[in-house]
Amino acid sequence: AKGYKGFKGNCSFSFIEQFRALHQCNGYCEMLGLKSLRTTH
């Protein structure tokens, strides 16, 4: 809601929550060394 670095998006912040809950990492996430959202949650 407060935006990020002075930038406000045009979509509801609830998409961030949904992404965090639904995202399933794939091989490209692994190649980039991204942290799984499941385990941190």
PDB file of all heavy atoms in Angstrom:
ATOM      1  N   ALA A   1       0.807  -1.232   0.000  1.00  0.00           N
ATOM      2  CA  ALA A   1       0.000   0.000   0.000  1.00  0.00           C
ATOM      3  C   ALA A   1       0.836   1.277   0.000  1.00  0.00           C
ATOM      4  O   ALA A   1       0.479   2.250  -0.634  1.00  0.00           O
ATOM      5  CB  ALA A   1      -0.939  -0.009   1.188  1.00  0.00           C
ATOM      6  N   LYS A   2       1.951   1.255   0.713  1.00  0.00           N
ATOM      7  CA  LYS A   2       2.748   2.494   0.805  1.00  0.00           C
ATOM      8  C   LYS A   2       3.577   2.735  -0.447  1.00  0.00           C
ATOM      9  O   LYS A   2       4.220   3.766  -0.596  1.00  0.00           O
ATOM     10  CB  LYS A   2       3.638   2.454   2.052  1.00  0.00           C
ATOM     11  CG  LYS A   2       4.659   1.323   2.050  1.00  0.00           C
ATOM     12  CD  LYS A   2       5.503   1.348   3.330  1.00  0.00           C
ATOM     13  CE  LYS A   2       6.627   0.346   3.313  1.00  0.00           C
ATOM     14  NZ  LYS A   2       6.202  -1.068   3.139  1.00  0.00           N
ATOM     15  N   GLY A   3       3.563   1.761  -1.371  1.00  0.00           N
ATOM     16  CA  GLY A   3       4.379   1.909  -2.578  1.00  0.00           C
ATOM     17  C   GLY A   3       5.794   1.407  -2.319  1.00  0.00           C
ATOM     18  O   GLY A   3       6.104   0.870  -1.256  1.00  0.00           O
ATOM     19  N   TYR A   4       6.641   1.583  -3.314  1.00  0.00           N
ATOM     20  CA  TYR A   4       8.035   1.130  -3.201  1.00  0.00           C
ATOM     21  C   TYR A   4       8.927   2.173  -3.838  1.00  0.00           C
ATOM     22  O   TYR A   4       8.794   2.472  -5.023  1.00  0.00           O
ATOM     23  CB  TYR A   4       8.205  -0.229  -3.896  1.00  0.00           C
ATOM     24  CG  TYR A   4       9.619  -0.746  -3.889  1.00  0.00           C
ATOM     25  CD1 TYR A   4      10.213  -1.173  -2.706  1.00  0.00           C
ATOM     26  CD2 TYR A   4      10.374  -0.797  -5.052  1.00  0.00           C
ATOM     27  CE1 TYR A   4      11.517  -1.632  -2.684  1.00  0.00           C
ATOM     28  CE2 TYR A   4      11.688  -1.270  -5.045  1.00  0.00           C
ATOM     29  CZ  TYR A   4      12.248  -1.690  -3.859  1.00  0.00           C
ATOM     30  OH  TYR A   4      13.552  -2.145  -3.838  1.00  0.00           O
ATOM     31  N   LYS A   5       9.815   2.762  -3.042  1.00  0.00           N
ATOM     32  CA  LYS A   5      10.736   3.809  -3.528  1.00  0.00           C
ATOM     33  C   LYS A   5       9.988   4.899  -4.286  1.00  0.00           C
ATOM     34  O   LYS A   5      10.377   5.289  -5.395  1.00  0.00           O
ATOM     35  CB  LYS A   5      11.830   3.186  -4.414  1.00  0.00           C
ATOM     36  CG  LYS A   5      12.752   2.258  -3.639  1.00  0.00           C
ATOM     37  CD  LYS A   5      13.933   1.798  -4.480  1.00  0.00           C
ATOM     38  CE  LYS A   5      14.915   1.019  -3.622  1.00  0.00           C
ATOM     39  NZ  LYS A   5      16.021   0.460  -4.386  1.00  0.00           N
ATOM     40  N   GLY A   6       8.880   5.330  -3.741  1.00  0.00           N
ATOM     41  CA  GLY A   6       8.103   6.423  -4.355  1.00  0.00           C
ATOM     42  C   GLY A   6       7.222   5.989  -5.514  1.00  0.00           C
ATOM     43  O   GLY A   6       6.535   6.790  -6.120  1.00  0.00           O
ATOM     44  N   PHE A   7       7.226   4.697  -5.836  1.00  0.00           N
ATOM     45  CA  PHE A   7       6.427   4.202  -6.965  1.00  0.00           C
ATOM     46  C   PHE A   7       5.227   3.435  -6.437  1.00  0.00           C
ATOM     47  O   PHE A   7       5.370   2.593  -5.560  1.00  0.00           O
ATOM     48  CB  PHE A   7       7.290   3.265  -7.825  1.00  0.00           C
ATOM     49  CG  PHE A   7       6.527   2.611  -8.935  1.00  0.00           C
ATOM     50  CD1 PHE A   7       6.312   3.284 -10.131  1.00  0.00           C
ATOM     51  CD2 PHE A   7       6.001   1.339  -8.790  1.00  0.00           C
ATOM     52  CE1 PHE A   7       5.599   2.694 -11.155  1.00  0.00           C
ATOM     53  CE2 PHE A   7       5.287   0.735  -9.809  1.00  0.00           C
ATOM     54  CZ  PHE A   7       5.085   1.428 -10.997  1.00  0.00           C
ATOM     55  N   LYS A   8       4.046   3.742  -6.968  1.00  0.00           N
ATOM     56  CA  LYS A   8       2.847   2.987  -6.581  1.00  0.00           C
ATOM     57  C   LYS A   8       2.343   2.196  -7.770  1.00  0.00           C
ATOM     58  O   LYS A   8       2.228   2.730  -8.863  1.00  0.00           O
ATOM     59  CB  LYS A   8       1.755   3.932  -6.081  1.00  0.00           C
ATOM     60  CG  LYS A   8       1.828   4.148  -4.593  1.00  0.00           C
ATOM     61  CD  LYS A   8       0.516   4.649  -4.022  1.00  0.00           C
ATOM     62  CE  LYS A   8       0.647   4.614  -2.515  1.00  0.00           C
ATOM     63  NZ  LYS A   8      -0.527   4.600  -1.756  1.00  0.00           N
ATOM     64  N   GLY A   9       2.034   0.932  -7.544  1.00  0.00           N
ATOM     65  CA  GLY A   9       1.562   0.079  -8.630  1.00  0.00           C
ATOM     66  C   GLY A   9       0.117   0.370  -8.996  1.00  0.00           C
ATOM     67  O   GLY A   9      -0.555   1.172  -8.353  1.00  0.00           O
ATOM     68  N   ASN A  10      -0.363  -0.293 -10.040  1.00  0.00           N
ATOM     69  CA  ASN A  10      -1.746  -0.101 -10.495  1.00  0.00           C
ATOM     70  C   ASN A  10      -2.588  -1.348 -10.216  1.00  0.00           C
ATOM     71  O   ASN A  10      -3.674  -1.488 -10.731  1.00  0.00           O
ATOM     72  CB  ASN A  10      -1.771   0.238 -11.995  1.00  0.00           C
ATOM     73  CG  ASN A  10      -1.180  -0.861 -12.858  1.00  0.00           C
ATOM     74  OD1 ASN A  10      -0.467  -1.726 -12.372  1.00  0.00           O
ATOM     75  ND2 ASN A  10      -1.471  -0.828 -14.135  1.00  0.00           N
ATOM     76  N   CYS A  11      -2.058  -2.287  -9.431  1.00  0.00           N
ATOM     77  CA  CYS A  11      -2.804  -3.504  -9.094  1.00  0.00           C
ATOM     78  C   CYS A  11      -2.884  -3.633  -7.578  1.00  0.00           C
ATOM     79  O   CYS A  11      -2.043  -3.100  -6.860  1.00  0.00           O
ATOM     80  CB  CYS A  11      -2.073  -4.739  -9.622  1.00  0.00           C
ATOM     81  SG  CYS A  11      -1.996  -4.796 -11.413  1.00  0.00           S
ATOM     82  N   SER A  12      -3.859  -4.381  -7.120  1.00  0.00           N
ATOM     83  CA  SER A  12      -4.061  -4.553  -5.688  1.00  0.00           C
ATOM     84  C   SER A  12      -2.873  -5.243  -5.022  1.00  0.00           C
ATOM     85  O   SER A  12      -2.287  -6.167  -5.582  1.00  0.00           O
ATOM     86  CB  SER A  12      -5.315  -5.390  -5.470  1.00  0.00           C
ATOM     87  OG  SER A  12      -5.266  -6.000  -4.205  1.00  0.00           O
ATOM     88  N   PHE A  13      -2.529  -4.808  -3.809  1.00  0.00           N
ATOM     89  CA  PHE A  13      -1.420  -5.426  -3.080  1.00  0.00           C
ATOM     90  C   PHE A  13      -1.705  -6.894  -2.764  1.00  0.00           C
ATOM     91  O   PHE A  13      -0.807  -7.654  -2.464  1.00  0.00           O
ATOM     92  CB  PHE A  13      -1.126  -4.658  -1.789  1.00  0.00           C
ATOM     93  CG  PHE A  13      -2.196  -4.826  -0.734  1.00  0.00           C
ATOM     94  CD1 PHE A  13      -2.072  -5.777   0.263  1.00  0.00           C
ATOM     95  CD2 PHE A  13      -3.347  -4.049  -0.772  1.00  0.00           C
ATOM     96  CE1 PHE A  13      -3.070  -5.953   1.202  1.00  0.00           C
ATOM     97  CE2 PHE A  13      -4.341  -4.222   0.168  1.00  0.00           C
ATOM     98  CZ  PHE A  13      -4.206  -5.184   1.160  1.00  0.00           C
ATOM     99  N   SER A  14      -2.978  -7.303  -2.832  1.00  0.00           N
ATOM    100  CA  SER A  14      -3.322  -8.704  -2.516  1.00  0.00           C
ATOM    101  C   SER A  14      -2.679  -9.676  -3.515  1.00  0.00           C
ATOM    102  O   SER A  14      -2.499 -10.848  -3.213  1.00  0.00           O
ATOM    103  CB  SER A  14      -4.831  -8.905  -2.491  1.00  0.00           C
ATOM    104  OG  SER A  14      -5.378  -8.656  -3.762  1.00  0.00           O
ATOM    105  N   PHE A  15      -2.310  -9.187  -4.708  1.00  0.00           N
ATOM    106  CA  PHE A  15      -1.638 -10.067  -5.684  1.00  0.00           C
ATOM    107  C   PHE A  15      -0.295 -10.532  -5.138  1.00  0.00           C
ATOM    108  O   PHE A  15       0.169 -11.613  -5.467  1.00  0.00           O
ATOM    109  CB  PHE A  15      -1.407  -9.359  -7.027  1.00  0.00           C
ATOM    110  CG  PHE A  15      -2.665  -8.855  -7.669  1.00  0.00           C
ATOM    111  CD1 PHE A  15      -2.624  -7.802  -8.570  1.00  0.00           C
ATOM    112  CD2 PHE A  15      -3.897  -9.423  -7.372  1.00  0.00           C
ATOM    113  CE1 PHE A  15      -3.783  -7.329  -9.170  1.00  0.00           C
ATOM    114  CE2 PHE A  15      -5.060  -8.958  -7.966  1.00  0.00           C
ATOM    115  CZ  PHE A  15      -4.999  -7.910  -8.860  1.00  0.00           C
ATOM    116  N   ILE A  16       0.334  -9.680  -4.327  1.00  0.00           N
ATOM    117  CA  ILE A  16       1.632 -10.045  -3.747  1.00  0.00           C
ATOM    118  C   ILE A  16       1.428 -11.224  -2.796  1.00  0.00           C
ATOM    119  O   ILE A  16       2.168 -12.200  -2.833  1.00  0.00           O
ATOM    120  CB  ILE A  16       2.289  -8.837  -3.042  1.00  0.00           C
ATOM    121  CG1 ILE A  16       2.607  -7.746  -4.075  1.00  0.00           C
ATOM    122  CG2 ILE A  16       3.553  -9.265  -2.287  1.00  0.00           C
ATOM    123  CD1 ILE A  16       3.264  -6.497  -3.518  1.00  0.00           C
ATOM    124  N   GLU A  17       0.385 -11.138  -1.959  1.00  0.00           N
ATOM    125  CA  GLU A  17       0.055 -12.230  -1.030  1.00  0.00           C
ATOM    126  C   GLU A  17      -0.201 -13.522  -1.810  1.00  0.00           C
ATOM    127  O   GLU A  17       0.302 -14.589  -1.458  1.00  0.00           O
ATOM    128  CB  GLU A  17      -1.243 -11.904  -0.267  1.00  0.00           C
ATOM    129  CG  GLU A  17      -1.184 -10.626   0.540  1.00  0.00           C
ATOM    130  CD  GLU A  17      -0.458 -10.851   1.849  1.00  0.00           C
ATOM    131  OE1 GLU A  17      -0.927 -11.676   2.647  1.00  0.00           O
ATOM    132  OE2 GLU A  17       0.608 -10.227   2.051  1.00  0.00           O
ATOM    133  N   GLN A  18      -1.016 -13.403  -2.869  1.00  0.00           N
ATOM    134  CA  GLN A  18      -1.373 -14.593  -3.647  1.00  0.00           C
ATOM    135  C   GLN A  18      -0.153 -15.194  -4.330  1.00  0.00           C
ATOM    136  O   GLN A  18      -0.006 -16.407  -4.378  1.00  0.00           O
ATOM    137  CB  GLN A  18      -2.446 -14.240  -4.681  1.00  0.00           C
ATOM    138  CG  GLN A  18      -3.797 -14.087  -4.035  1.00  0.00           C
ATOM    139  CD  GLN A  18      -4.809 -13.466  -4.974  1.00  0.00           C
ATOM    140  OE1 GLN A  18      -4.489 -12.583  -5.755  1.00  0.00           O
ATOM    141  NE2 GLN A  18      -6.031 -13.916  -4.896  1.00  0.00           N
ATOM    142  N   PHE A  19       0.695 -14.336  -4.842  1.00  0.00           N
ATOM    143  CA  PHE A  19       1.906 -14.828  -5.498  1.00  0.00           C
ATOM    144  C   PHE A  19       2.740 -15.623  -4.496  1.00  0.00           C
ATOM    145  O   PHE A  19       3.208 -16.719  -4.784  1.00  0.00           O
ATOM    146  CB  PHE A  19       2.730 -13.674  -6.066  1.00  0.00           C
ATOM    147  CG  PHE A  19       4.066 -14.116  -6.604  1.00  0.00           C
ATOM    148  CD1 PHE A  19       4.141 -14.795  -7.807  1.00  0.00           C
ATOM    149  CD2 PHE A  19       5.229 -13.898  -5.891  1.00  0.00           C
ATOM    150  CE1 PHE A  19       5.369 -15.251  -8.302  1.00  0.00           C
ATOM    151  CE2 PHE A  19       6.459 -14.338  -6.376  1.00  0.00           C
ATOM    152  CZ  PHE A  19       6.515 -15.012  -7.578  1.00  0.00           C
ATOM    153  N   ARG A  20       2.898 -15.040  -3.310  1.00  0.00           N
ATOM    154  CA  ARG A  20       3.719 -15.691  -2.282  1.00  0.00           C
ATOM    155  C   ARG A  20       3.139 -17.073  -1.942  1.00  0.00           C
ATOM    156  O   ARG A  20       3.868 -18.032  -1.756  1.00  0.00           O
ATOM    157  CB  ARG A  20       3.752 -14.799  -1.039  1.00  0.00           C
ATOM    158  CG  ARG A  20       4.854 -15.154  -0.079  1.00  0.00           C
ATOM    159  CD  ARG A  20       5.115 -14.078   0.937  1.00  0.00           C
ATOM    160  NE  ARG A  20       3.905 -13.552   1.538  1.00  0.00           N
ATOM    161  CZ  ARG A  20       3.756 -12.285   1.893  1.00  0.00           C
ATOM    162  NH1 ARG A  20       4.720 -11.422   1.669  1.00  0.00           N
ATOM    163  NH2 ARG A  20       2.646 -11.869   2.445  1.00  0.00           N
ATOM    164  N   ALA A  21       1.816 -17.165  -1.903  1.00  0.00           N
ATOM    165  CA  ALA A  21       1.174 -18.436  -1.544  1.00  0.00           C
ATOM    166  C   ALA A  21       1.194 -19.451  -2.693  1.00  0.00           C
ATOM    167  O   ALA A  21       1.301 -20.646  -2.463  1.00  0.00           O
ATOM    168  CB  ALA A  21      -0.258 -18.168  -1.105  1.00  0.00           C
ATOM    169  N   LEU A  22       1.102 -18.966  -3.948  1.00  0.00           N
ATOM    170  CA  LEU A  22       0.914 -19.871  -5.082  1.00  0.00           C
ATOM    171  C   LEU A  22       2.171 -20.191  -5.883  1.00  0.00           C
ATOM    172  O   LEU A  22       2.192 -21.160  -6.625  1.00  0.00           O
ATOM    173  CB  LEU A  22      -0.121 -19.284  -6.052  1.00  0.00           C
ATOM    174  CG  LEU A  22      -1.545 -19.149  -5.535  1.00  0.00           C
ATOM    175  CD1 LEU A  22      -2.366 -18.277  -6.468  1.00  0.00           C
ATOM    176  CD2 LEU A  22      -2.201 -20.514  -5.386  1.00  0.00           C
ATOM    177  N   HIS A  23       3.185 -19.349  -5.771  1.00  0.00           N
ATOM    178  CA  HIS A  23       4.365 -19.528  -6.628  1.00  0.00           C
ATOM    179  C   HIS A  23       5.056 -20.864  -6.369  1.00  0.00           C
ATOM    180  O   HIS A  23       5.312 -21.233  -5.235  1.00  0.00           O
ATOM    181  CB  HIS A  23       5.358 -18.394  -6.390  1.00  0.00           C
ATOM    182  CG  HIS A  23       6.660 -18.602  -7.120  1.00  0.00           C
ATOM    183  ND1 HIS A  23       6.771 -18.506  -8.493  1.00  0.00           N
ATOM    184  CD2 HIS A  23       7.903 -18.928  -6.669  1.00  0.00           C
ATOM    185  CE1 HIS A  23       8.025 -18.746  -8.850  1.00  0.00           C
ATOM    186  NE2 HIS A  23       8.728 -19.008  -7.767  1.00  0.00           N
ATOM    187  N   GLN A  24       5.338 -21.574  -7.445  1.00  0.00           N
ATOM    188  CA  GLN A  24       6.122 -22.798  -7.351  1.00  0.00           C
ATOM    189  C   GLN A  24       7.396 -22.598  -8.147  1.00  0.00           C
ATOM    190  O   GLN A  24       7.336 -22.305  -9.340  1.00  0.00           O
ATOM    191  CB  GLN A  24       5.325 -23.973  -7.911  1.00  0.00           C
ATOM    192  CG  GLN A  24       4.141 -24.304  -7.025  1.00  0.00           C
ATOM    193  CD  GLN A  24       3.280 -25.412  -7.603  1.00  0.00           C
ATOM    194  OE1 GLN A  24       3.157 -25.549  -8.819  1.00  0.00           O
ATOM    195  NE2 GLN A  24       2.687 -26.191  -6.744  1.00  0.00           N
ATOM    196  N   CYS A  25       8.515 -22.716  -7.472  1.00  0.00           N
ATOM    197  CA  CYS A  25       9.795 -22.491  -8.155  1.00  0.00           C
ATOM    198  C   CYS A  25      10.007 -23.527  -9.255  1.00  0.00           C
ATOM    199  O   CYS A  25       9.571 -24.659  -9.146  1.00  0.00           O
ATOM    200  CB  CYS A  25      10.933 -22.576  -7.151  1.00  0.00           C
ATOM    201  SG  CYS A  25      11.077 -21.079  -6.175  1.00  0.00           S
ATOM    202  N   ASN A  26      10.677 -23.101 -10.308  1.00  0.00           N
ATOM    203  CA  ASN A  26      11.040 -24.011 -11.396  1.00  0.00           C
ATOM    204  C   ASN A  26      12.564 -23.972 -11.567  1.00  0.00           C
ATOM    205  O   ASN A  26      13.259 -23.301 -10.803  1.00  0.00           O
ATOM    206  CB  ASN A  26      10.290 -23.608 -12.680  1.00  0.00           C
ATOM    207  CG  ASN A  26      10.608 -22.188 -13.119  1.00  0.00           C
ATOM    208  OD1 ASN A  26      11.774 -21.804 -13.222  1.00  0.00           O
ATOM    209  ND2 ASN A  26       9.584 -21.387 -13.367  1.00  0.00           N
ATOM    210  N   GLY A  27      13.041 -24.668 -12.579  1.00  0.00           N
ATOM    211  CA  GLY A  27      14.487 -24.764 -12.803  1.00  0.00           C
ATOM    212  C   GLY A  27      15.162 -23.412 -13.012  1.00  0.00           C
ATOM    213  O   GLY A  27      16.322 -23.229 -12.642  1.00  0.00           O
ATOM    214  N   TYR A  28      14.423 -22.435 -13.596  1.00  0.00           N
ATOM    215  CA  TYR A  28      15.017 -21.113 -13.840  1.00  0.00           C
ATOM    216  C   TYR A  28      15.189 -20.354 -12.525  1.00  0.00           C
ATOM    217  O   TYR A  28      16.152 -19.614 -12.350  1.00  0.00           O
ATOM    218  CB  TYR A  28      14.189 -20.321 -14.852  1.00  0.00           C
ATOM    219  CG  TYR A  28      14.095 -21.015 -16.194  1.00  0.00           C
ATOM    220  CD1 TYR A  28      12.897 -21.591 -16.635  1.00  0.00           C
ATOM    221  CD2 TYR A  28      15.215 -21.142 -17.007  1.00  0.00           C
ATOM    222  CE1 TYR A  28      12.820 -22.252 -17.858  1.00  0.00           C
ATOM    223  CE2 TYR A  28      15.151 -21.802 -18.228  1.00  0.00           C
ATOM    224  CZ  TYR A  28      13.953 -22.368 -18.648  1.00  0.00           C
ATOM    225  OH  TYR A  28      13.894 -23.017 -19.851  1.00  0.00           O
ATOM    226  N   CYS A  29      14.267 -20.548 -11.592  1.00  0.00           N
ATOM    227  CA  CYS A  29      14.405 -19.927 -10.256  1.00  0.00           C
ATOM    228  C   CYS A  29      15.676 -20.478  -9.602  1.00  0.00           C
ATOM    229  O   CYS A  29      16.440 -19.733  -8.984  1.00  0.00           O
ATOM    230  CB  CYS A  29      13.213 -20.271  -9.354  1.00  0.00           C
ATOM    231  SG  CYS A  29      11.625 -19.598  -9.888  1.00  0.00           S
ATOM    232  N   GLU A  30      15.870 -21.792  -9.765  1.00  0.00           N
ATOM    233  CA  GLU A  30      17.057 -22.431  -9.171  1.00  0.00           C
ATOM    234  C   GLU A  30      18.337 -21.906  -9.801  1.00  0.00           C
ATOM    235  O   GLU A  30      19.308 -21.622  -9.110  1.00  0.00           O
ATOM    236  CB  GLU A  30      16.965 -23.956  -9.309  1.00  0.00           C
ATOM    237  CG  GLU A  30      15.997 -24.567  -8.303  1.00  0.00           C
ATOM    238  CD  GLU A  30      15.487 -25.943  -8.709  1.00  0.00           C
ATOM    239  OE1 GLU A  30      16.221 -26.686  -9.395  1.00  0.00           O
ATOM    240  OE2 GLU A  30      14.328 -26.264  -8.344  1.00  0.00           O
ATOM    241  N   MET A  31      18.330 -21.751 -11.146  1.00  0.00           N
ATOM    242  CA  MET A  31      19.526 -21.241 -11.833  1.00  0.00           C
ATOM    243  C   MET A  31      19.931 -19.864 -11.304  1.00  0.00           C
ATOM    244  O   MET A  31      21.110 -19.554 -11.213  1.00  0.00           O
ATOM    245  CB  MET A  31      19.249 -21.091 -13.335  1.00  0.00           C
ATOM    246  CG  MET A  31      19.404 -22.341 -14.121  1.00  0.00           C
ATOM    247  SD  MET A  31      19.131 -21.898 -15.866  1.00  0.00           S
ATOM    248  CE  MET A  31      19.559 -23.402 -16.657  1.00  0.00           C
ATOM    249  N   LEU A  32      18.935 -19.052 -10.973  1.00  0.00           N
ATOM    250  CA  LEU A  32      19.214 -17.703 -10.478  1.00  0.00           C
ATOM    251  C   LEU A  32      19.458 -17.685  -8.964  1.00  0.00           C
ATOM    252  O   LEU A  32      19.710 -16.632  -8.388  1.00  0.00           O
ATOM    253  CB  LEU A  32      18.052 -16.761 -10.823  1.00  0.00           C
ATOM    254  CG  LEU A  32      18.061 -16.224 -12.251  1.00  0.00           C
ATOM    255  CD1 LEU A  32      16.685 -15.720 -12.647  1.00  0.00           C
ATOM    256  CD2 LEU A  32      19.076 -15.093 -12.421  1.00  0.00           C
ATOM    257  N   GLY A  33      19.330 -18.853  -8.343  1.00  0.00           N
ATOM    258  CA  GLY A  33      19.583 -18.944  -6.899  1.00  0.00           C
ATOM    259  C   GLY A  33      18.527 -18.240  -6.059  1.00  0.00           C
ATOM    260  O   GLY A  33      18.823 -17.738  -4.974  1.00  0.00           O
ATOM    261  N   LEU A  34      17.277 -18.204  -6.548  1.00  0.00           N
ATOM    262  CA  LEU A  34      16.216 -17.534  -5.781  1.00  0.00           C
ATOM    263  C   LEU A  34      15.774 -18.427  -4.621  1.00  0.00           C
ATOM    264  O   LEU A  34      15.728 -19.639  -4.744  1.00  0.00           O
ATOM    265  CB  LEU A  34      15.022 -17.226  -6.699  1.00  0.00           C
ATOM    266  CG  LEU A  34      15.332 -16.316  -7.889  1.00  0.00           C
ATOM    267  CD1 LEU A  34      14.117 -16.202  -8.801  1.00  0.00           C
ATOM    268  CD2 LEU A  34      15.781 -14.933  -7.432  1.00  0.00           C
ATOM    269  N   LYS A  35      15.447 -17.785  -3.514  1.00  0.00           N
ATOM    270  CA  LYS A  35      15.033 -18.538  -2.322  1.00  0.00           C
ATOM    271  C   LYS A  35      13.590 -19.002  -2.486  1.00  0.00           C
ATOM    272  O   LYS A  35      12.726 -18.212  -2.885  1.00  0.00           O
ATOM    273  CB  LYS A  35      15.105 -17.640  -1.084  1.00  0.00           C
ATOM    274  CG  LYS A  35      16.505 -17.246  -0.674  1.00  0.00           C
ATOM    275  CD  LYS A  35      16.450 -16.421   0.616  1.00  0.00           C
ATOM    276  CE  LYS A  35      17.426 -15.259   0.647  1.00  0.00           C
ATOM    277  NZ  LYS A  35      17.171 -14.188  -0.289  1.00  0.00           N
ATOM    278  N   SER A  36      13.327 -20.254  -2.139  1.00  0.00           N
ATOM    279  CA  SER A  36      11.957 -20.764  -2.232  1.00  0.00           C
ATOM    280  C   SER A  36      11.057 -20.001  -1.260  1.00  0.00           C
ATOM    281  O   SER A  36      11.416 -19.777  -0.109  1.00  0.00           O
ATOM    282  CB  SER A  36      11.923 -22.252  -1.894  1.00  0.00           C
ATOM    283  OG  SER A  36      10.589 -22.635  -1.642  1.00  0.00           O
ATOM    284  N   LEU A  37       9.886 -19.591  -1.735  1.00  0.00           N
ATOM    285  CA  LEU A  37       8.964 -18.833  -0.886  1.00  0.00           C
ATOM    286  C   LEU A  37       8.258 -19.764   0.085  1.00  0.00           C
ATOM    287  O   LEU A  37       7.801 -19.341   1.132  1.00  0.00           O
ATOM    288  CB  LEU A  37       7.933 -18.097  -1.752  1.00  0.00           C
ATOM    289  CG  LEU A  37       8.519 -17.146  -2.787  1.00  0.00           C
ATOM    290  CD1 LEU A  37       7.422 -16.552  -3.654  1.00  0.00           C
ATOM    291  CD2 LEU A  37       9.303 -16.028  -2.126  1.00  0.00           C
ATOM    292  N   ARG A  38       8.149 -21.024  -0.279  1.00  0.00           N
ATOM    293  CA  ARG A  38       7.465 -21.997   0.581  1.00  0.00           C
ATOM    294  C   ARG A  38       8.216 -22.168   1.894  1.00  0.00           C
ATOM    295  O   ARG A  38       7.671 -22.015   2.958  1.00  0.00           O
ATOM    296  CB  ARG A  38       7.393 -23.372  -0.123  1.00  0.00           C
ATOM    297  CG  ARG A  38       6.510 -23.378  -1.335  1.00  0.00           C
ATOM    298  CD  ARG A  38       5.035 -23.452  -0.918  1.00  0.00           C
ATOM    299  NE  ARG A  38       4.179 -22.852  -1.922  1.00  0.00           N
ATOM    300  CZ  ARG A  38       3.538 -23.537  -2.853  1.00  0.00           C
ATOM    301  NH1 ARG A  38       3.674 -24.829  -2.927  1.00  0.00           N
ATOM    302  NH2 ARG A  38       2.761 -22.919  -3.711  1.00  0.00           N
ATOM    303  N   THR A  39       9.519 -22.501   1.783  1.00  0.00           N
ATOM    304  CA  THR A  39      10.257 -22.836   3.000  1.00  0.00           C
ATOM    305  C   THR A  39      10.373 -21.629   3.919  1.00  0.00           C
ATOM    306  O   THR A  39      10.179 -21.757   5.114  1.00  0.00           O
ATOM    307  CB  THR A  39      11.662 -23.364   2.661  1.00  0.00           C
ATOM    308  OG1 THR A  39      12.259 -22.448   1.760  1.00  0.00           O
ATOM    309  CG2 THR A  39      11.599 -24.732   2.021  1.00  0.00           C
ATOM    310  N   THR A  40      10.618 -20.436   3.365  1.00  0.00           N
ATOM    311  CA  THR A  40      10.767 -19.268   4.249  1.00  0.00           C
ATOM    312  C   THR A  40       9.452 -19.003   4.957  1.00  0.00           C
ATOM    313  O   THR A  40       9.428 -18.676   6.123  1.00  0.00           O
ATOM    314  CB  THR A  40      11.202 -18.003   3.471  1.00  0.00           C
ATOM    315  OG1 THR A  40      10.280 -17.805   2.406  1.00  0.00           O
ATOM    316  CG2 THR A  40      12.588 -18.114   2.919  1.00  0.00           C
ATOM    317  N   HIS A  41       8.340 -19.224   4.255  1.00  0.00           N
ATOM    318  CA  HIS A  41       7.024 -18.974   4.838  1.00  0.00           C
ATOM    319  C   HIS A  41       6.782 -19.927   6.009  1.00  0.00           C
ATOM    320  O   HIS A  41       6.345 -19.529   7.070  1.00  0.00           O
ATOM    321  CB  HIS A  41       5.960 -19.174   3.749  1.00  0.00           C
ATOM    322  CG  HIS A  41       4.640 -18.548   4.093  1.00  0.00           C
ATOM    323  ND1 HIS A  41       4.531 -17.212   4.392  1.00  0.00           N
ATOM    324  CD2 HIS A  41       3.391 -19.075   4.200  1.00  0.00           C
ATOM    325  CE1 HIS A  41       3.259 -16.945   4.665  1.00  0.00           C
ATOM    326  NE2 HIS A  41       2.550 -18.058   4.559  1.00  0.00           N
TER     327      HIS A  41
END
